[in-house]
Amino acid sequence: MTLEPTGNPTVDAVLFWGSVVSLLLGIGTGVWRVGRVLVRLTKGVEQYLTDWYGEPDRPGVPARPGVLVRLQRAEEGLAGIGERLGRLEHEMQPNSGASLRDAVDRVNTALARLLPDEPVRPPSADPPPPDEGS
């Protein structure tokens, strides 16, 4: 498609340069929008990597350990939990007679001997409540 000149060189020049400026502004806007998306993406990746690897300390700001260091610390904190759970399980099962469960069972047995299941109530001095049906 070929555009015919208007016959007026000034109008032709204004139209030509106006279209060039519009084209450059359109290209610039597209590049600016793509650049903005890339900058946001780059910042997100940088923040992710900073969280993953951690940050060294700097004046006035303490160091932030990375994910792997924090996982290692968590594993170290859980290292003795197996032994502690074993001791707790020992206390909750009837076994050698020295566990907490054995002590509770002994107290329950003694209490059952002292207090029967159905307590004997002394006769009451109050008259029985009247029957509602009579």
N, C-alpha and C. Protein backbone atom coordinates (compact mmCIF):
# COMPACT_ATOMS: atom_id res chain seq x y z
N MET A 1 0.86 -1.17 0.00
CA MET A 1 0.00 0.00 0.00
C MET A 1 0.90 1.23 0.00
N THR A 2 0.69 2.05 -0.95
CA THR A 2 1.48 3.26 -1.08
C THR A 2 0.59 4.46 -0.81
N LEU A 3 1.11 5.34 0.00
CA LEU A 3 0.35 6.55 0.31
C LEU A 3 0.74 7.64 -0.68
N GLU A 4 -0.26 8.28 -1.14
CA GLU A 4 -0.02 9.40 -2.07
C GLU A 4 0.27 10.66 -1.27
N PRO A 5 1.21 11.43 -1.68
CA PRO A 5 1.45 12.68 -0.99
C PRO A 5 0.26 13.62 -1.14
N THR A 6 0.10 14.49 -0.19
CA THR A 6 -1.03 15.42 -0.20
C THR A 6 -0.81 16.56 -1.17
N GLY A 7 0.36 16.74 -1.59
CA GLY A 7 0.65 17.85 -2.49
C GLY A 7 1.20 19.04 -1.74
N ASN A 8 1.06 19.07 -0.44
CA ASN A 8 1.59 20.15 0.37
C ASN A 8 2.78 19.58 1.13
N PRO A 9 4.00 20.02 0.83
CA PRO A 9 5.18 19.43 1.46
C PRO A 9 5.21 19.61 2.98
N THR A 10 4.65 20.65 3.51
CA THR A 10 4.65 20.88 4.96
C THR A 10 3.75 19.84 5.64
N VAL A 11 2.57 19.62 5.07
CA VAL A 11 1.64 18.65 5.65
C VAL A 11 2.24 17.26 5.53
N ASP A 12 2.88 16.97 4.39
CA ASP A 12 3.52 15.66 4.22
C ASP A 12 4.62 15.44 5.26
N ALA A 13 5.41 16.46 5.52
CA ALA A 13 6.50 16.35 6.49
C ALA A 13 5.94 16.15 7.90
N VAL A 14 4.87 16.91 8.25
CA VAL A 14 4.26 16.79 9.58
C VAL A 14 3.68 15.39 9.75
N LEU A 15 2.98 14.88 8.75
CA LEU A 15 2.41 13.53 8.83
C LEU A 15 3.51 12.47 8.93
N PHE A 16 4.57 12.63 8.16
CA PHE A 16 5.66 11.66 8.19
C PHE A 16 6.31 11.64 9.57
N TRP A 17 6.68 12.83 10.06
CA TRP A 17 7.36 12.87 11.35
C TRP A 17 6.42 12.50 12.51
N GLY A 18 5.15 12.80 12.39
CA GLY A 18 4.17 12.40 13.40
C GLY A 18 4.06 10.88 13.48
N SER A 19 4.05 10.24 12.30
CA SER A 19 3.98 8.77 12.31
C SER A 19 5.27 8.17 12.84
N VAL A 20 6.41 8.79 12.55
CA VAL A 20 7.68 8.29 13.09
C VAL A 20 7.70 8.42 14.61
N VAL A 21 7.23 9.56 15.14
CA VAL A 21 7.19 9.76 16.58
C VAL A 21 6.23 8.77 17.22
N SER A 22 5.06 8.57 16.60
CA SER A 22 4.09 7.59 17.14
C SER A 22 4.68 6.19 17.17
N LEU A 23 5.36 5.82 16.09
CA LEU A 23 5.97 4.49 16.04
C LEU A 23 7.05 4.35 17.12
N LEU A 24 7.88 5.37 17.27
CA LEU A 24 8.93 5.31 18.29
C LEU A 24 8.33 5.27 19.70
N LEU A 25 7.26 6.04 19.95
CA LEU A 25 6.61 6.01 21.26
C LEU A 25 5.99 4.64 21.52
N GLY A 26 5.40 4.04 20.52
CA GLY A 26 4.83 2.70 20.68
C GLY A 26 5.90 1.67 20.99
N ILE A 27 7.00 1.73 20.25
CA ILE A 27 8.11 0.80 20.52
C ILE A 27 8.70 1.05 21.90
N GLY A 28 8.87 2.33 22.25
CA GLY A 28 9.41 2.67 23.58
C GLY A 28 8.50 2.19 24.70
N THR A 29 7.18 2.35 24.51
CA THR A 29 6.24 1.89 25.53
C THR A 29 6.31 0.37 25.68
N GLY A 30 6.39 -0.34 24.58
CA GLY A 30 6.50 -1.81 24.64
C GLY A 30 7.77 -2.24 25.34
N VAL A 31 8.89 -1.58 24.99
CA VAL A 31 10.16 -1.91 25.63
C VAL A 31 10.11 -1.58 27.12
N TRP A 32 9.50 -0.46 27.47
CA TRP A 32 9.39 -0.06 28.88
C TRP A 32 8.57 -1.08 29.66
N ARG A 33 7.44 -1.56 29.09
CA ARG A 33 6.60 -2.52 29.80
C ARG A 33 7.31 -3.86 29.95
N VAL A 34 7.99 -4.31 28.91
CA VAL A 34 8.75 -5.57 29.01
C VAL A 34 9.88 -5.41 30.03
N GLY A 35 10.55 -4.26 30.00
CA GLY A 35 11.63 -4.01 30.97
C GLY A 35 11.12 -4.00 32.39
N ARG A 36 9.94 -3.42 32.59
CA ARG A 36 9.36 -3.38 33.93
C ARG A 36 9.05 -4.79 34.45
N VAL A 37 8.51 -5.63 33.57
CA VAL A 37 8.24 -7.01 33.96
C VAL A 37 9.55 -7.74 34.27
N LEU A 38 10.56 -7.51 33.47
CA LEU A 38 11.85 -8.17 33.71
C LEU A 38 12.48 -7.70 35.02
N VAL A 39 12.34 -6.43 35.34
CA VAL A 39 12.88 -5.92 36.61
C VAL A 39 12.16 -6.56 37.79
N ARG A 40 10.83 -6.66 37.71
CA ARG A 40 10.08 -7.30 38.79
C ARG A 40 10.48 -8.76 38.93
N LEU A 41 10.62 -9.44 37.81
CA LEU A 41 11.01 -10.84 37.84
C LEU A 41 12.41 -11.00 38.42
N THR A 42 13.31 -10.13 38.04
CA THR A 42 14.67 -10.18 38.55
C THR A 42 14.70 -9.94 40.05
N LYS A 43 13.90 -8.98 40.52
CA LYS A 43 13.84 -8.72 41.96
C LYS A 43 13.30 -9.92 42.71
N GLY A 44 12.28 -10.58 42.15
CA GLY A 44 11.72 -11.76 42.79
C GLY A 44 12.73 -12.89 42.87
N VAL A 45 13.47 -13.10 41.80
CA VAL A 45 14.50 -14.15 41.79
C VAL A 45 15.60 -13.80 42.78
N GLU A 46 15.98 -12.54 42.82
CA GLU A 46 17.01 -12.11 43.76
C GLU A 46 16.55 -12.32 45.21
N GLN A 47 15.30 -11.99 45.50
CA GLN A 47 14.79 -12.18 46.85
C GLN A 47 14.74 -13.67 47.20
N TYR A 48 14.32 -14.50 46.24
CA TYR A 48 14.29 -15.94 46.48
C TYR A 48 15.70 -16.47 46.78
N LEU A 49 16.67 -16.06 45.96
CA LEU A 49 18.03 -16.54 46.17
C LEU A 49 18.62 -16.03 47.48
N THR A 50 18.27 -14.80 47.86
CA THR A 50 18.73 -14.27 49.14
C THR A 50 18.15 -15.08 50.29
N ASP A 51 16.87 -15.43 50.18
CA ASP A 51 16.26 -16.26 51.23
C ASP A 51 16.88 -17.65 51.24
N TRP A 52 17.18 -18.19 50.08
CA TRP A 52 17.72 -19.55 50.00
C TRP A 52 19.14 -19.62 50.57
N TYR A 53 19.99 -18.70 50.14
CA TYR A 53 21.40 -18.74 50.55
C TYR A 53 21.69 -17.93 51.81
N GLY A 54 20.79 -17.05 52.21
CA GLY A 54 21.01 -16.23 53.40
C GLY A 54 21.81 -14.98 53.07
N GLU A 55 22.01 -14.17 54.08
CA GLU A 55 22.77 -12.93 53.92
C GLU A 55 23.81 -12.83 55.02
N PRO A 56 25.00 -12.38 54.69
CA PRO A 56 26.00 -12.16 55.76
C PRO A 56 25.60 -10.92 56.56
N ASP A 57 26.17 -10.81 57.76
CA ASP A 57 25.86 -9.63 58.56
C ASP A 57 26.57 -8.42 57.97
N ARG A 58 25.97 -7.29 58.22
CA ARG A 58 26.56 -6.02 57.80
C ARG A 58 26.31 -5.04 58.93
N PRO A 59 26.92 -3.88 58.91
CA PRO A 59 26.81 -2.96 60.04
C PRO A 59 25.34 -2.65 60.37
N GLY A 60 24.96 -2.98 61.59
CA GLY A 60 23.62 -2.68 62.06
C GLY A 60 22.57 -3.73 61.72
N VAL A 61 22.93 -4.73 60.91
CA VAL A 61 21.97 -5.75 60.49
C VAL A 61 22.58 -7.12 60.76
N PRO A 62 21.91 -7.95 61.55
CA PRO A 62 22.47 -9.29 61.81
C PRO A 62 22.38 -10.18 60.58
N ALA A 63 23.19 -11.20 60.57
CA ALA A 63 23.18 -12.15 59.45
C ALA A 63 21.87 -12.94 59.44
N ARG A 64 21.41 -13.29 58.24
CA ARG A 64 20.23 -14.15 58.09
C ARG A 64 20.68 -15.46 57.48
N PRO A 65 20.51 -16.56 58.20
CA PRO A 65 20.95 -17.84 57.65
C PRO A 65 20.04 -18.28 56.50
N GLY A 66 20.60 -19.06 55.60
CA GLY A 66 19.84 -19.56 54.48
C GLY A 66 18.99 -20.76 54.86
N VAL A 67 18.26 -21.26 53.89
CA VAL A 67 17.34 -22.37 54.13
C VAL A 67 18.09 -23.62 54.58
N LEU A 68 19.19 -23.93 53.93
CA LEU A 68 19.92 -25.15 54.26
C LEU A 68 20.50 -25.10 55.67
N VAL A 69 20.96 -23.94 56.09
CA VAL A 69 21.48 -23.80 57.45
C VAL A 69 20.35 -23.95 58.46
N ARG A 70 19.19 -23.36 58.16
CA ARG A 70 18.05 -23.49 59.08
C ARG A 70 17.57 -24.93 59.15
N LEU A 71 17.56 -25.64 58.04
CA LEU A 71 17.18 -27.06 58.05
C LEU A 71 18.16 -27.88 58.88
N GLN A 72 19.46 -27.58 58.75
CA GLN A 72 20.46 -28.30 59.52
C GLN A 72 20.25 -28.05 61.02
N ARG A 73 19.94 -26.82 61.38
CA ARG A 73 19.69 -26.51 62.79
C ARG A 73 18.45 -27.24 63.29
N ALA A 74 17.43 -27.32 62.46
CA ALA A 74 16.21 -28.03 62.86
C ALA A 74 16.49 -29.51 63.07
N GLU A 75 17.30 -30.10 62.19
CA GLU A 75 17.66 -31.51 62.34
C GLU A 75 18.48 -31.73 63.61
N GLU A 76 19.38 -30.82 63.89
CA GLU A 76 20.17 -30.94 65.12
C GLU A 76 19.28 -30.82 66.35
N GLY A 77 18.26 -29.96 66.27
CA GLY A 77 17.35 -29.81 67.40
C GLY A 77 16.48 -31.04 67.61
N LEU A 78 16.23 -31.77 66.54
CA LEU A 78 15.40 -32.98 66.64
C LEU A 78 16.21 -34.23 66.92
N ALA A 79 17.52 -34.10 67.00
CA ALA A 79 18.38 -35.27 67.15
C ALA A 79 18.07 -36.04 68.44
N GLY A 80 17.85 -35.38 69.55
CA GLY A 80 17.63 -36.05 70.82
C GLY A 80 16.17 -36.40 71.08
N ILE A 81 15.29 -36.10 70.14
CA ILE A 81 13.87 -36.32 70.38
C ILE A 81 13.53 -37.80 70.47
N GLY A 82 14.25 -38.65 69.75
CA GLY A 82 13.98 -40.08 69.79
C GLY A 82 14.21 -40.66 71.17
N GLU A 83 15.31 -40.27 71.79
CA GLU A 83 15.61 -40.75 73.14
C GLU A 83 14.57 -40.24 74.14
N ARG A 84 14.18 -38.98 74.00
CA ARG A 84 13.19 -38.43 74.91
C ARG A 84 11.84 -39.12 74.74
N LEU A 85 11.45 -39.41 73.51
CA LEU A 85 10.19 -40.11 73.29
C LEU A 85 10.26 -41.53 73.84
N GLY A 86 11.42 -42.17 73.76
CA GLY A 86 11.59 -43.50 74.33
C GLY A 86 11.38 -43.50 75.83
N ARG A 87 11.95 -42.49 76.51
CA ARG A 87 11.76 -42.38 77.96
C ARG A 87 10.30 -42.13 78.30
N LEU A 88 9.65 -41.29 77.50
CA LEU A 88 8.24 -40.99 77.74
C LEU A 88 7.38 -42.24 77.53
N GLU A 89 7.67 -42.99 76.51
CA GLU A 89 6.92 -44.23 76.26
C GLU A 89 7.13 -45.22 77.40
N HIS A 90 8.34 -45.29 77.93
CA HIS A 90 8.63 -46.16 79.06
C HIS A 90 7.74 -45.80 80.26
N GLU A 91 7.54 -44.51 80.47
CA GLU A 91 6.73 -44.06 81.61
C GLU A 91 5.24 -44.31 81.40
N MET A 92 4.79 -44.42 80.15
CA MET A 92 3.37 -44.58 79.87
C MET A 92 2.92 -46.03 79.77
N GLN A 93 3.83 -46.96 79.78
CA GLN A 93 3.49 -48.39 79.66
C GLN A 93 3.73 -49.09 80.99
N PRO A 94 2.84 -50.03 81.36
CA PRO A 94 3.12 -50.81 82.57
C PRO A 94 4.30 -51.73 82.30
N ASN A 95 5.32 -51.65 83.13
CA ASN A 95 6.52 -52.45 82.88
C ASN A 95 7.20 -52.86 84.17
N SER A 96 8.25 -52.22 84.55
CA SER A 96 9.09 -52.69 85.65
C SER A 96 8.54 -52.34 87.04
N GLY A 97 7.46 -51.59 87.10
CA GLY A 97 6.93 -51.20 88.40
C GLY A 97 7.41 -49.83 88.82
N ALA A 98 8.35 -49.26 88.10
CA ALA A 98 8.89 -47.95 88.48
C ALA A 98 8.37 -46.84 87.56
N SER A 99 7.51 -47.17 86.62
CA SER A 99 7.03 -46.15 85.69
C SER A 99 5.86 -45.39 86.28
N LEU A 100 5.55 -44.28 85.69
CA LEU A 100 4.43 -43.47 86.12
C LEU A 100 3.12 -44.25 85.98
N ARG A 101 2.99 -45.00 84.90
CA ARG A 101 1.78 -45.81 84.69
C ARG A 101 1.60 -46.84 85.80
N ASP A 102 2.68 -47.50 86.24
CA ASP A 102 2.59 -48.46 87.33
C ASP A 102 2.15 -47.78 88.63
N ALA A 103 2.67 -46.58 88.88
CA ALA A 103 2.29 -45.86 90.09
C ALA A 103 0.81 -45.49 90.06
N VAL A 104 0.31 -45.04 88.91
CA VAL A 104 -1.10 -44.70 88.80
C VAL A 104 -1.96 -45.94 88.99
N ASP A 105 -1.54 -47.06 88.42
CA ASP A 105 -2.29 -48.31 88.59
C ASP A 105 -2.33 -48.73 90.06
N ARG A 106 -1.22 -48.60 90.77
CA ARG A 106 -1.18 -48.94 92.21
C ARG A 106 -2.13 -48.05 93.00
N VAL A 107 -2.14 -46.77 92.71
CA VAL A 107 -3.02 -45.85 93.42
C VAL A 107 -4.48 -46.18 93.11
N ASN A 108 -4.79 -46.48 91.87
CA ASN A 108 -6.17 -46.84 91.51
C ASN A 108 -6.62 -48.11 92.22
N THR A 109 -5.74 -49.10 92.31
CA THR A 109 -6.08 -50.35 92.99
C THR A 109 -6.34 -50.09 94.47
N ALA A 110 -5.47 -49.32 95.09
CA ALA A 110 -5.66 -49.01 96.52
C ALA A 110 -6.93 -48.20 96.73
N LEU A 111 -7.21 -47.28 95.87
CA LEU A 111 -8.40 -46.46 95.99
C LEU A 111 -9.66 -47.29 95.78
N ALA A 112 -9.60 -48.25 94.88
CA ALA A 112 -10.76 -49.12 94.64
C ALA A 112 -11.03 -49.98 95.86
N ARG A 113 -9.99 -50.40 96.57
CA ARG A 113 -10.20 -51.18 97.80
C ARG A 113 -10.79 -50.32 98.91
N LEU A 114 -10.37 -49.08 98.99
CA LEU A 114 -10.86 -48.20 100.04
C LEU A 114 -12.27 -47.68 99.76
N LEU A 115 -12.58 -47.39 98.51
CA LEU A 115 -13.88 -46.84 98.14
C LEU A 115 -14.55 -47.78 97.14
N PRO A 116 -15.60 -48.47 97.53
CA PRO A 116 -16.27 -49.35 96.58
C PRO A 116 -16.95 -48.53 95.48
N ASP A 117 -17.30 -49.22 94.40
CA ASP A 117 -17.92 -48.53 93.27
C ASP A 117 -19.28 -47.94 93.62
N GLU A 118 -20.09 -48.68 94.38
CA GLU A 118 -21.41 -48.20 94.76
C GLU A 118 -21.37 -47.75 96.21
N PRO A 119 -21.33 -46.48 96.46
CA PRO A 119 -21.24 -46.01 97.84
C PRO A 119 -22.56 -46.28 98.59
N VAL A 120 -22.42 -46.62 99.85
CA VAL A 120 -23.59 -46.85 100.71
C VAL A 120 -24.00 -45.51 101.26
N ARG A 121 -25.25 -45.12 101.00
CA ARG A 121 -25.73 -43.82 101.48
C ARG A 121 -26.53 -44.04 102.76
N PRO A 122 -26.28 -43.21 103.73
CA PRO A 122 -27.09 -43.32 104.95
C PRO A 122 -28.53 -42.92 104.64
N PRO A 123 -29.47 -43.52 105.38
CA PRO A 123 -30.86 -43.13 105.12
C PRO A 123 -31.05 -41.65 105.41
N SER A 124 -31.80 -41.05 104.59
CA SER A 124 -32.00 -39.62 104.70
C SER A 124 -33.15 -39.32 105.65
N ALA A 125 -33.05 -38.23 106.36
CA ALA A 125 -34.10 -37.82 107.29
C ALA A 125 -35.22 -37.12 106.53
N ASP A 126 -34.99 -36.73 105.32
CA ASP A 126 -36.01 -36.04 104.54
C ASP A 126 -37.01 -37.07 104.00
N PRO A 127 -38.29 -36.70 104.00
CA PRO A 127 -39.27 -37.61 103.42
C PRO A 127 -39.06 -37.71 101.91
N PRO A 128 -39.43 -38.83 101.31
CA PRO A 128 -39.26 -38.97 99.88
C PRO A 128 -40.15 -37.98 99.13
N PRO A 129 -39.73 -37.56 97.94
CA PRO A 129 -40.55 -36.60 97.19
C PRO A 129 -41.88 -37.24 96.79
N PRO A 130 -42.95 -36.47 96.74
CA PRO A 130 -44.26 -37.02 96.40
C PRO A 130 -44.27 -37.50 94.95
N ASP A 131 -45.06 -38.52 94.72
CA ASP A 131 -45.23 -39.05 93.36
C ASP A 131 -46.03 -38.04 92.56
N GLU A 132 -45.63 -37.78 91.37
CA GLU A 132 -46.33 -36.82 90.53
C GLU A 132 -47.60 -37.44 89.93
N GLY A 133 -47.64 -38.78 89.82
CA GLY A 133 -48.79 -39.44 89.21
C GLY A 133 -49.97 -39.54 90.16
N SER A 134 -49.82 -39.35 91.49
CA SER A 134 -50.94 -39.53 92.39
C SER A 134 -51.61 -38.25 92.77
